[in-house]
Amino acid sequence: MYRKGMNCVSELFKKVEELLASKALKSIINSDFITLKQILTAQSILIKAGIPYDLTFSPGTRRAAAAAKLTIFINPTTTLSFTFAFERGGSFFG
């Protein structure tokens, strides 16, 4: 059972690694600001690959810029988190 679980995590990690190396996700990760279309593209890619994730959105206020935080789950103790800004300024995500 343990070995099967490790293979599953290893396969998931390979999928995530391939996606992060893809041109589409590289352009999203390296952009200063993100668009709704880019967020939806990232979600579509993750869903098609069967990779578990959470997306949290914080609308802009007078004190903080609009932003989204994407958390990709590798295993119960390992995650990758990306914060994307929709506009200039600090956000609630850091």
C-alpha atoms as a PDB file:
ATOM      1  CA  MET A   1       0.000   0.000   0.000  1.00  0.00           C
ATOM      2  CA  TYR A   2       2.772   2.436   0.927  1.00  0.00           C
ATOM      3  CA  ARG A   3       4.619   1.812  -2.310  1.00  0.00           C
ATOM      4  CA  LYS A   4       1.459   2.401  -4.348  1.00  0.00           C
ATOM      5  CA  GLY A   5       0.930   5.719  -2.578  1.00  0.00           C
ATOM      6  CA  MET A   6       4.498   6.778  -3.272  1.00  0.00           C
ATOM      7  CA  ASN A   7       4.084   5.979  -6.970  1.00  0.00           C
ATOM      8  CA  CYS A   8       0.944   8.089  -7.058  1.00  0.00           C
ATOM      9  CA  VAL A   9       2.745  11.044  -5.450  1.00  0.00           C
ATOM     10  CA  SER A  10       5.698  10.566  -7.786  1.00  0.00           C
ATOM     11  CA  GLU A  11       3.398  10.586 -10.822  1.00  0.00           C
ATOM     12  CA  LEU A  12       1.597  13.695  -9.546  1.00  0.00           C
ATOM     13  CA  PHE A  13       4.916  15.445  -8.969  1.00  0.00           C
ATOM     14  CA  LYS A  14       5.985  14.603 -12.542  1.00  0.00           C
ATOM     15  CA  LYS A  15       2.724  16.059 -13.872  1.00  0.00           C
ATOM     16  CA  VAL A  16       3.192  19.244 -11.862  1.00  0.00           C
ATOM     17  CA  GLU A  17       6.816  19.527 -12.975  1.00  0.00           C
ATOM     18  CA  GLU A  18       5.805  19.157 -16.647  1.00  0.00           C
ATOM     19  CA  LEU A  19       3.047  21.747 -16.272  1.00  0.00           C
ATOM     20  CA  LEU A  20       5.344  24.261 -14.588  1.00  0.00           C
ATOM     21  CA  ALA A  21       7.781  23.831 -17.478  1.00  0.00           C
ATOM     22  CA  SER A  22       5.038  24.418 -20.061  1.00  0.00           C
ATOM     23  CA  LYS A  23       5.038  27.651 -22.008  1.00  0.00           C
ATOM     24  CA  ALA A  24       1.483  28.523 -20.949  1.00  0.00           C
ATOM     25  CA  LEU A  25       2.122  28.319 -17.214  1.00  0.00           C
ATOM     26  CA  LYS A  26       5.563  29.927 -17.461  1.00  0.00           C
ATOM     27  CA  SER A  27       4.015  32.996 -19.083  1.00  0.00           C
ATOM     28  CA  ILE A  28       1.383  33.200 -16.326  1.00  0.00           C
ATOM     29  CA  ILE A  29       3.895  32.762 -13.509  1.00  0.00           C
ATOM     30  CA  ASN A  30       6.338  35.297 -14.980  1.00  0.00           C
ATOM     31  CA  SER A  31       3.794  38.039 -15.712  1.00  0.00           C
ATOM     32  CA  ASP A  32       3.572  41.121 -13.484  1.00  0.00           C
ATOM     33  CA  PHE A  33      -0.208  41.147 -13.634  1.00  0.00           C
ATOM     34  CA  ILE A  34      -2.641  38.370 -14.445  1.00  0.00           C
ATOM     35  CA  THR A  35      -5.870  38.490 -16.392  1.00  0.00           C
ATOM     36  CA  LEU A  36      -9.039  36.517 -15.786  1.00  0.00           C
ATOM     37  CA  LYS A  37      -8.373  34.622 -19.019  1.00  0.00           C
ATOM     38  CA  GLN A  38      -4.959  33.514 -17.713  1.00  0.00           C
ATOM     39  CA  ILE A  39      -6.449  32.336 -14.393  1.00  0.00           C
ATOM     40  CA  LEU A  40      -9.101  30.330 -16.247  1.00  0.00           C
ATOM     41  CA  THR A  41      -6.413  28.840 -18.515  1.00  0.00           C
ATOM     42  CA  ALA A  42      -4.364  27.738 -15.493  1.00  0.00           C
ATOM     43  CA  GLN A  43      -7.450  26.169 -13.918  1.00  0.00           C
ATOM     44  CA  SER A  44      -8.291  24.350 -17.134  1.00  0.00           C
ATOM     45  CA  ILE A  45      -4.762  22.956 -17.403  1.00  0.00           C
ATOM     46  CA  LEU A  46      -4.800  21.751 -13.785  1.00  0.00           C
ATOM     47  CA  ILE A  47      -8.224  20.141 -14.118  1.00  0.00           C
ATOM     48  CA  LYS A  48      -7.304  18.355 -17.356  1.00  0.00           C
ATOM     49  CA  ALA A  49      -4.133  17.012 -15.701  1.00  0.00           C
ATOM     50  CA  GLY A  50      -6.074  15.888 -12.620  1.00  0.00           C
ATOM     51  CA  ILE A  51      -3.946  17.986 -10.272  1.00  0.00           C
ATOM     52  CA  PRO A  52      -5.637  19.076  -7.023  1.00  0.00           C
ATOM     53  CA  TYR A  53      -5.563  22.811  -6.292  1.00  0.00           C
ATOM     54  CA  ASP A  54      -7.302  25.647  -4.473  1.00  0.00           C
ATOM     55  CA  LEU A  55      -7.828  29.122  -5.872  1.00  0.00           C
ATOM     56  CA  THR A  56      -8.576  31.972  -3.507  1.00  0.00           C
ATOM     57  CA  PHE A  57      -9.607  35.407  -4.762  1.00  0.00           C
ATOM     58  CA  SER A  58      -9.372  38.681  -2.873  1.00  0.00           C
ATOM     59  CA  PRO A  59     -11.132  41.632  -4.518  1.00  0.00           C
ATOM     60  CA  GLY A  60      -9.412  44.976  -4.425  1.00  0.00           C
ATOM     61  CA  THR A  61     -10.198  47.384  -1.601  1.00  0.00           C
ATOM     62  CA  ARG A  62      -8.965  50.840  -0.726  1.00  0.00           C
ATOM     63  CA  ARG A  63      -6.115  49.203   1.205  1.00  0.00           C
ATOM     64  CA  ALA A  64      -5.208  46.182  -0.920  1.00  0.00           C
ATOM     65  CA  ALA A  65      -4.990  45.333  -4.610  1.00  0.00           C
ATOM     66  CA  ALA A  66      -7.068  42.586  -6.201  1.00  0.00           C
ATOM     67  CA  ALA A  67      -5.181  39.290  -6.211  1.00  0.00           C
ATOM     68  CA  ALA A  68      -5.568  35.526  -6.419  1.00  0.00           C
ATOM     69  CA  LYS A  69      -3.635  32.780  -4.652  1.00  0.00           C
ATOM     70  CA  LEU A  70      -3.238  29.417  -6.379  1.00  0.00           C
ATOM     71  CA  THR A  71      -2.215  26.495  -4.162  1.00  0.00           C
ATOM     72  CA  ILE A  72      -1.265  23.207  -5.826  1.00  0.00           C
ATOM     73  CA  PHE A  73      -1.283  20.124  -3.599  1.00  0.00           C
ATOM     74  CA  ILE A  74       1.534  17.616  -4.114  1.00  0.00           C
ATOM     75  CA  ASN A  75       0.806  15.571  -0.979  1.00  0.00           C
ATOM     76  CA  PRO A  76      -0.714  16.321   2.456  1.00  0.00           C
ATOM     77  CA  THR A  77       2.451  18.122   3.613  1.00  0.00           C
ATOM     78  CA  THR A  78       3.748  19.638   0.359  1.00  0.00           C
ATOM     79  CA  THR A  79       2.125  22.459  -1.591  1.00  0.00           C
ATOM     80  CA  LEU A  80       3.164  25.024  -4.165  1.00  0.00           C
ATOM     81  CA  SER A  81       1.612  28.467  -3.786  1.00  0.00           C
ATOM     82  CA  PHE A  82       1.562  31.314  -6.282  1.00  0.00           C
ATOM     83  CA  THR A  83       0.136  34.780  -5.686  1.00  0.00           C
ATOM     84  CA  PHE A  84      -1.035  36.685  -8.763  1.00  0.00           C
ATOM     85  CA  ALA A  85      -1.807  40.395  -8.818  1.00  0.00           C
ATOM     86  CA  PHE A  86      -4.566  41.863 -10.956  1.00  0.00           C
ATOM     87  CA  GLU A  87      -3.280  45.399 -10.329  1.00  0.00           C
ATOM     88  CA  ARG A  88      -0.415  47.293  -8.689  1.00  0.00           C
ATOM     89  CA  GLY A  89      -0.140  47.379  -4.920  1.00  0.00           C
ATOM     90  CA  GLY A  90       0.043  44.962  -2.031  1.00  0.00           C
ATOM     91  CA  SER A  91      -2.593  42.282  -1.475  1.00  0.00           C
ATOM     92  CA  PHE A  92      -3.911  40.316   1.452  1.00  0.00           C
ATOM     93  CA  PHE A  93      -1.801  37.370   0.272  1.00  0.00           C
ATOM     94  CA  GLY A  94       1.513  39.151   0.736  1.00  0.00           C
END
